[in-house]
Each structure stands twice: as C-alpha cells, then as structure tokens.
PDB file of N, CA and C in Angstrom:
ATOM      1  N   MET A   1      94.756  61.199 122.367  1.00  0.00           N
ATOM      2  CA  MET A   1      94.541  62.634 122.314  1.00  0.00           C
ATOM      3  C   MET A   1      93.408  62.935 121.328  1.00  0.00           C
ATOM      4  N   PRO A   2      92.458  63.783 121.679  1.00  0.00           N
ATOM      5  CA  PRO A   2      91.322  64.062 120.800  1.00  0.00           C
ATOM      6  C   PRO A   2      91.716  64.929 119.607  1.00  0.00           C
ATOM      7  N   LYS A   3      90.867  64.890 118.596  1.00  0.00           N
ATOM      8  CA  LYS A   3      91.084  65.732 117.419  1.00  0.00           C
ATOM      9  C   LYS A   3      90.824  67.192 117.774  1.00  0.00           C
ATOM     10  N   ILE A   4      91.383  68.082 116.978  1.00  0.00           N
ATOM     11  CA  ILE A   4      91.140  69.512 117.156  1.00  0.00           C
ATOM     12  C   ILE A   4      89.838  69.858 116.451  1.00  0.00           C
ATOM     13  N   ARG A   5      88.982  70.647 117.086  1.00  0.00           N
ATOM     14  CA  ARG A   5      87.718  71.028 116.458  1.00  0.00           C
ATOM     15  C   ARG A   5      87.931  72.174 115.483  1.00  0.00           C
ATOM     16  N   THR A   6      87.261  72.066 114.354  1.00  0.00           N
ATOM     17  CA  THR A   6      87.345  73.097 113.324  1.00  0.00           C
ATOM     18  C   THR A   6      86.364  74.216 113.623  1.00  0.00           C
ATOM     19  N   ARG A   7      86.807  75.457 113.464  1.00  0.00           N
ATOM     20  CA  ARG A   7      85.894  76.599 113.551  1.00  0.00           C
ATOM     21  C   ARG A   7      85.209  76.718 112.203  1.00  0.00           C
ATOM     22  N   LYS A   8      83.921  76.337 112.169  1.00  0.00           N
ATOM     23  CA  LYS A   8      83.203  76.202 110.910  1.00  0.00           C
ATOM     24  C   LYS A   8      83.125  77.503 110.122  1.00  0.00           C
ATOM     25  N   ALA A   9      82.997  78.633 110.803  1.00  0.00           N
ATOM     26  CA  ALA A   9      82.928  79.919 110.103  1.00  0.00           C
ATOM     27  C   ALA A   9      84.210  80.175 109.315  1.00  0.00           C
ATOM     28  N   ALA A  10      85.356  79.824 109.905  1.00  0.00           N
ATOM     29  CA  ALA A  10      86.637  80.020 109.228  1.00  0.00           C
ATOM     30  C   ALA A  10      86.798  79.021 108.086  1.00  0.00           C
ATOM     31  N   ALA A  11      86.376  77.791 108.294  1.00  0.00           N
ATOM     32  CA  ALA A  11      86.531  76.757 107.273  1.00  0.00           C
ATOM     33  C   ALA A  11      85.731  77.072 106.015  1.00  0.00           C
ATOM     34  N   LYS A  12      84.599  77.754 106.169  1.00  0.00           N
ATOM     35  CA  LYS A  12      83.775  78.119 105.015  1.00  0.00           C
ATOM     36  C   LYS A  12      84.388  79.253 104.210  1.00  0.00           C
ATOM     37  N   ARG A  13      85.288  80.016 104.810  1.00  0.00           N
ATOM     38  CA  ARG A  13      85.838  81.203 104.157  1.00  0.00           C
ATOM     39  C   ARG A  13      87.230  81.026 103.587  1.00  0.00           C
ATOM     40  N   ILE A  14      87.941  79.973 103.979  1.00  0.00           N
ATOM     41  CA  ILE A  14      89.318  79.802 103.515  1.00  0.00           C
ATOM     42  C   ILE A  14      89.460  78.522 102.707  1.00  0.00           C
ATOM     43  N   LYS A  15      90.518  78.498 101.911  1.00  0.00           N
ATOM     44  CA  LYS A  15      90.855  77.310 101.141  1.00  0.00           C
ATOM     45  C   LYS A  15      92.370  77.165 101.194  1.00  0.00           C
ATOM     46  N   ILE A  16      92.861  75.960 101.364  1.00  0.00           N
ATOM     47  CA  ILE A  16      94.294  75.706 101.427  1.00  0.00           C
ATOM     48  C   ILE A  16      94.746  75.181 100.066  1.00  0.00           C
ATOM     49  N   THR A  17      95.791  75.789  99.508  1.00  0.00           N
ATOM     50  CA  THR A  17      96.299  75.345  98.213  1.00  0.00           C
ATOM     51  C   THR A  17      97.121  74.070  98.389  1.00  0.00           C
ATOM     52  N   GLY A  18      97.538  73.499  97.297  1.00  0.00           N
ATOM     53  CA  GLY A  18      98.342  72.287  97.334  1.00  0.00           C
ATOM     54  C   GLY A  18      99.677  72.488  98.019  1.00  0.00           C
ATOM     55  N   THR A  19     100.214  73.702  97.945  1.00  0.00           N
ATOM     56  CA  THR A  19     101.500  73.983  98.579  1.00  0.00           C
ATOM     57  C   THR A  19     101.347  74.461 100.019  1.00  0.00           C
ATOM     58  N   GLY A  20     100.099  74.568 100.507  1.00  0.00           N
ATOM     59  CA  GLY A  20      99.863  74.917 101.895  1.00  0.00           C
ATOM     60  C   GLY A  20      99.570  76.380 102.153  1.00  0.00           C
ATOM     61  N   LYS A  21      99.426  77.185 101.085  1.00  0.00           N
ATOM     62  CA  LYS A  21      99.097  78.599 101.268  1.00  0.00           C
ATOM     63  C   LYS A  21      97.602  78.748 101.504  1.00  0.00           C
ATOM     64  N   VAL A  22      97.205  79.839 102.150  1.00  0.00           N
ATOM     65  CA  VAL A  22      95.799  80.079 102.468  1.00  0.00           C
ATOM     66  C   VAL A  22      95.238  81.105 101.492  1.00  0.00           C
ATOM     67  N   VAL A  23      94.145  80.739 100.812  1.00  0.00           N
ATOM     68  CA  VAL A  23      93.472  81.631  99.871  1.00  0.00           C
ATOM     69  C   VAL A  23      92.158  82.057 100.493  1.00  0.00           C
ATOM     70  N   LEU A  24      91.855  83.361 100.427  1.00  0.00           N
ATOM     71  CA  LEU A  24      90.588  83.856 100.957  1.00  0.00           C
ATOM     72  C   LEU A  24      90.086  85.028 100.128  1.00  0.00           C
ATOM     73  N   ARG A  25      88.798  85.366 100.323  1.00  0.00           N
ATOM     74  CA  ARG A  25      88.210  86.492  99.594  1.00  0.00           C
ATOM     75  C   ARG A  25      88.655  87.797 100.254  1.00  0.00           C
ATOM     76  N   ARG A  26      88.695  88.847  99.459  1.00  0.00           N
ATOM     77  CA  ARG A  26      89.040  90.169  99.993  1.00  0.00           C
ATOM     78  C   ARG A  26      87.820  90.791 100.656  1.00  0.00           C
ATOM     79  N   SER A  27      88.074  91.615 101.641  1.00  0.00           N
ATOM     80  CA  SER A  27      86.972  92.294 102.315  1.00  0.00           C
ATOM     81  C   SER A  27      86.638  93.589 101.586  1.00  0.00           C
ATOM     82  N   GLY A  28      85.436  94.109 101.824  1.00  0.00           N
ATOM     83  CA  GLY A  28      85.068  95.413 101.289  1.00  0.00           C
ATOM     84  C   GLY A  28      84.223  95.372 100.042  1.00  0.00           C
ATOM     85  N   LYS A  29      83.613  94.226  99.707  1.00  0.00           N
ATOM     86  CA  LYS A  29      82.833  94.123  98.475  1.00  0.00           C
ATOM     87  C   LYS A  29      81.347  93.927  98.772  1.00  0.00           C
ATOM     88  N   SER A  30      80.904  94.243  99.983  1.00  0.00           N
ATOM     89  CA  SER A  30      79.516  93.949 100.323  1.00  0.00           C
ATOM     90  C   SER A  30      78.596  95.157 100.289  1.00  0.00           C
ATOM     91  N   HIS A  31      79.084  96.352 100.621  1.00  0.00           N
ATOM     92  CA  HIS A  31      78.203  97.522 100.596  1.00  0.00           C
ATOM     93  C   HIS A  31      79.020  98.787 100.328  1.00  0.00           C
ATOM     94  N   LEU A  32      78.328  99.904 100.128  1.00  0.00           N
ATOM     95  CA  LEU A  32      78.944 101.193  99.770  1.00  0.00           C
ATOM     96  C   LEU A  32      79.749 101.075  98.479  1.00  0.00           C
ATOM     97  N   LEU A  33      79.182 100.401  97.484  1.00  0.00           N
ATOM     98  CA  LEU A  33      79.904 100.138  96.244  1.00  0.00           C
ATOM     99  C   LEU A  33      79.833 101.294  95.257  1.00  0.00           C
ATOM    100  N   THR A  34      78.883 102.215  95.418  1.00  0.00           N
ATOM    101  CA  THR A  34      78.745 103.302  94.442  1.00  0.00           C
ATOM    102  C   THR A  34      79.933 104.253  94.487  1.00  0.00           C
ATOM    103  N   ARG A  35      80.556 104.429  95.646  1.00  0.00           N
ATOM    104  CA  ARG A  35      81.686 105.357  95.734  1.00  0.00           C
ATOM    105  C   ARG A  35      83.012 104.705  95.367  1.00  0.00           C
ATOM    106  N   LYS A  36      83.019 103.393  95.192  1.00  0.00           N
ATOM    107  CA  LYS A  36      84.260 102.713  94.827  1.00  0.00           C
ATOM    108  C   LYS A  36      84.371 102.647  93.307  1.00  0.00           C
ATOM    109  N   THR A  37      85.597 102.782  92.807  1.00  0.00           N
ATOM    110  CA  THR A  37      85.813 102.759  91.361  1.00  0.00           C
ATOM    111  C   THR A  37      85.637 101.336  90.831  1.00  0.00           C
ATOM    112  N   ALA A  38      85.399 101.246  89.525  1.00  0.00           N
ATOM    113  CA  ALA A  38      85.223  99.936  88.889  1.00  0.00           C
ATOM    114  C   ALA A  38      86.492  99.104  89.016  1.00  0.00           C
ATOM    115  N   LYS A  39      87.639  99.746  88.892  1.00  0.00           N
ATOM    116  CA  LYS A  39      88.919  99.046  89.019  1.00  0.00           C
ATOM    117  C   LYS A  39      89.063  98.438  90.413  1.00  0.00           C
ATOM    118  N   ARG A  40      88.694  99.221  91.418  1.00  0.00           N
ATOM    119  CA  ARG A  40      88.803  98.745  92.804  1.00  0.00           C
ATOM    120  C   ARG A  40      87.855  97.581  93.050  1.00  0.00           C
ATOM    121  N   LYS A  41      86.634  97.652  92.500  1.00  0.00           N
ATOM    122  CA  LYS A  41      85.669  96.569  92.696  1.00  0.00           C
ATOM    123  C   LYS A  41      86.105  95.289  91.988  1.00  0.00           C
ATOM    124  N   ARG A  42      86.742  95.431  90.828  1.00  0.00           N
ATOM    125  CA  ARG A  42      87.268  94.250  90.126  1.00  0.00           C
ATOM    126  C   ARG A  42      88.352  93.575  90.956  1.00  0.00           C
ATOM    127  N   ARG A  43      89.236  94.379  91.535  1.00  0.00           N
ATOM    128  CA  ARG A  43      90.305  93.808  92.373  1.00  0.00           C
ATOM    129  C   ARG A  43      89.748  93.141  93.624  1.00  0.00           C
ATOM    130  N   LEU A  44      88.693  93.717  94.189  1.00  0.00           N
ATOM    131  CA  LEU A  44      88.088  93.131  95.380  1.00  0.00           C
ATOM    132  C   LEU A  44      87.395  91.802  95.078  1.00  0.00           C
ATOM    133  N   ALA A  45      87.013  91.601  93.820  1.00  0.00           N
ATOM    134  CA  ALA A  45      86.291  90.382  93.451  1.00  0.00           C
ATOM    135  C   ALA A  45      87.216  89.165  93.379  1.00  0.00           C
ATOM    136  N   THR A  46      88.524  89.394  93.220  1.00  0.00           N
ATOM    137  CA  THR A  46      89.454  88.274  93.092  1.00  0.00           C
ATOM    138  C   THR A  46      89.895  87.778  94.467  1.00  0.00           C
ATOM    139  N   ALA A  47      90.252  86.521  94.540  1.00  0.00           N
ATOM    140  CA  ALA A  47      90.748  85.944  95.794  1.00  0.00           C
ATOM    141  C   ALA A  47      92.203  86.352  95.993  1.00  0.00           C
ATOM    142  N   SER A  48      92.685  86.287  97.222  1.00  0.00           N
ATOM    143  CA  SER A  48      94.067  86.654  97.493  1.00  0.00           C
ATOM    144  C   SER A  48      94.678  85.689  98.503  1.00  0.00           C
ATOM    145  N   LEU A  49      95.993  85.709  98.556  1.00  0.00           N
ATOM    146  CA  LEU A  49      96.705  84.899  99.537  1.00  0.00           C
ATOM    147  C   LEU A  49      96.737  85.645 100.863  1.00  0.00           C
ATOM    148  N   ALA A  50      96.575  84.926 101.932  1.00  0.00           N
ATOM    149  CA  ALA A  50      96.611  85.532 103.268  1.00  0.00           C
ATOM    150  C   ALA A  50      98.051  85.860 103.633  1.00  0.00           C
ATOM    151  N   SER A  51      98.219  86.855 104.489  1.00  0.00           N
ATOM    152  CA  SER A  51      99.553  87.189 104.978  1.00  0.00           C
ATOM    153  C   SER A  51     100.058  86.035 105.846  1.00  0.00           C
ATOM    154  N   LYS A  52     101.326  86.067 106.157  1.00  0.00           N
ATOM    155  CA  LYS A  52     101.940  84.987 106.927  1.00  0.00           C
ATOM    156  C   LYS A  52     101.262  84.817 108.288  1.00  0.00           C
ATOM    157  N   ALA A  53     100.991  85.953 108.965  1.00  0.00           N
ATOM    158  CA  ALA A  53     100.368  85.901 110.291  1.00  0.00           C
ATOM    159  C   ALA A  53      98.926  85.409 110.196  1.00  0.00           C
ATOM    160  N   ASP A  54      98.185  85.898 109.201  1.00  0.00           N
ATOM    161  CA  ASP A  54      96.800  85.471 109.032  1.00  0.00           C
ATOM    162  C   ASP A  54      96.716  84.001 108.623  1.00  0.00           C
ATOM    163  N   ALA A  55      97.669  83.552 107.816  1.00  0.00           N
ATOM    164  CA  ALA A  55      97.681  82.158 107.374  1.00  0.00           C
ATOM    165  C   ALA A  55      97.892  81.217 108.563  1.00  0.00           C
ATOM    166  N   LYS A  56      98.760  81.616 109.471  1.00  0.00           N
ATOM    167  CA  LYS A  56      99.026  80.791 110.651  1.00  0.00           C
ATOM    168  C   LYS A  56      97.762  80.667 111.501  1.00  0.00           C
ATOM    169  N   ALA A  57      97.063  81.797 111.691  1.00  0.00           N
ATOM    170  CA  ALA A  57      95.829  81.796 112.480  1.00  0.00           C
ATOM    171  C   ALA A  57      94.736  80.982 111.779  1.00  0.00           C
ATOM    172  N   ALA A  58      94.647  81.100 110.465  1.00  0.00           N
ATOM    173  CA  ALA A  58      93.626  80.385 109.699  1.00  0.00           C
ATOM    174  C   ALA A  58      93.848  78.877 109.764  1.00  0.00           C
ATOM    175  N   LYS A  59      95.092  78.455 109.671  1.00  0.00           N
ATOM    176  CA  LYS A  59      95.387  77.026 109.738  1.00  0.00           C
ATOM    177  C   LYS A  59      95.097  76.460 111.126  1.00  0.00           C
ATOM    178  N   ARG A  60      95.246  77.293 112.153  1.00  0.00           N
ATOM    179  CA  ARG A  60      94.937  76.859 113.508  1.00  0.00           C
ATOM    180  C   ARG A  60      93.424  76.723 113.692  1.00  0.00           C
ATOM    181  N   MET A  61      92.652  77.621 113.058  1.00  0.00           N
ATOM    182  CA  MET A  61      91.204  77.594 113.194  1.00  0.00           C
ATOM    183  C   MET A  61      90.573  76.475 112.364  1.00  0.00           C
ATOM    184  N   ALA A  62      91.182  76.141 111.223  1.00  0.00           N
ATOM    185  CA  ALA A  62      90.628  75.107 110.349  1.00  0.00           C
ATOM    186  C   ALA A  62      91.733  74.116 110.004  1.00  0.00           C
ATOM    187  N   PRO A  63      92.106  73.257 110.947  1.00  0.00           N
ATOM    188  CA  PRO A  63      93.255  72.385 110.750  1.00  0.00           C
ATOM    189  C   PRO A  63      93.083  71.320 109.660  1.00  0.00           C
ATOM    190  N   TYR A  64      91.822  70.983 109.330  1.00  0.00           N
ATOM    191  CA  TYR A  64      91.600  69.934 108.343  1.00  0.00           C
ATOM    192  C   TYR A  64      91.053  70.482 107.036  1.00  0.00           C
ATOM    193  N   ALA A  65      91.103  71.802 106.831  1.00  0.00           N
ATOM    194  CA  ALA A  65      90.574  72.413 105.601  1.00  0.00           C
ATOM    195  C   ALA A  65      91.393  71.949 104.403  1.00  0.00           C
ATOM    196  N   ARG A  66      90.705  71.837 103.284  1.00  0.00           N
ATOM    197  CA  ARG A  66      91.395  71.445 102.042  1.00  0.00           C
ATOM    198  C   ARG A  66      91.341  72.555 101.045  1.00  0.00           C
TER     199      ARG A  66
END
C-alpha cells in the first residue's frame, strides 16, 4: 500500500506536539491592524491549539508532520 501524500501547505502551518495535539497560528493578524486593540493583537500573535474537528482534519492533511 502506498504512503499518504502530505498537503504541503498544511504541513507548513501546523505543528504536532509530543502528546499529539495540533498547534497553529491564529488568523486575523495580517491586515486591518489599526482598528484592532493592542490586547487583541497580542493574543493573535500567540499560537493556539486546534479544535478537535480541526485537529482531525489537520492530521489527515499532514500525516507525517512533527
């Protein structure tokens, strides 16, 4: 049986922790930053854990991600 191909765009954006959780960057930090508060921009700068449904999809797209 052949290996599963990795979706490279997804693999560049996600990271799998040692316990198997998916870590990714938050969206909304690329433009229209003047109207966002400093507190909101600080929170957007930190990485977050993906939801259960998103984590399942991410692991399917990047099965060999580390």
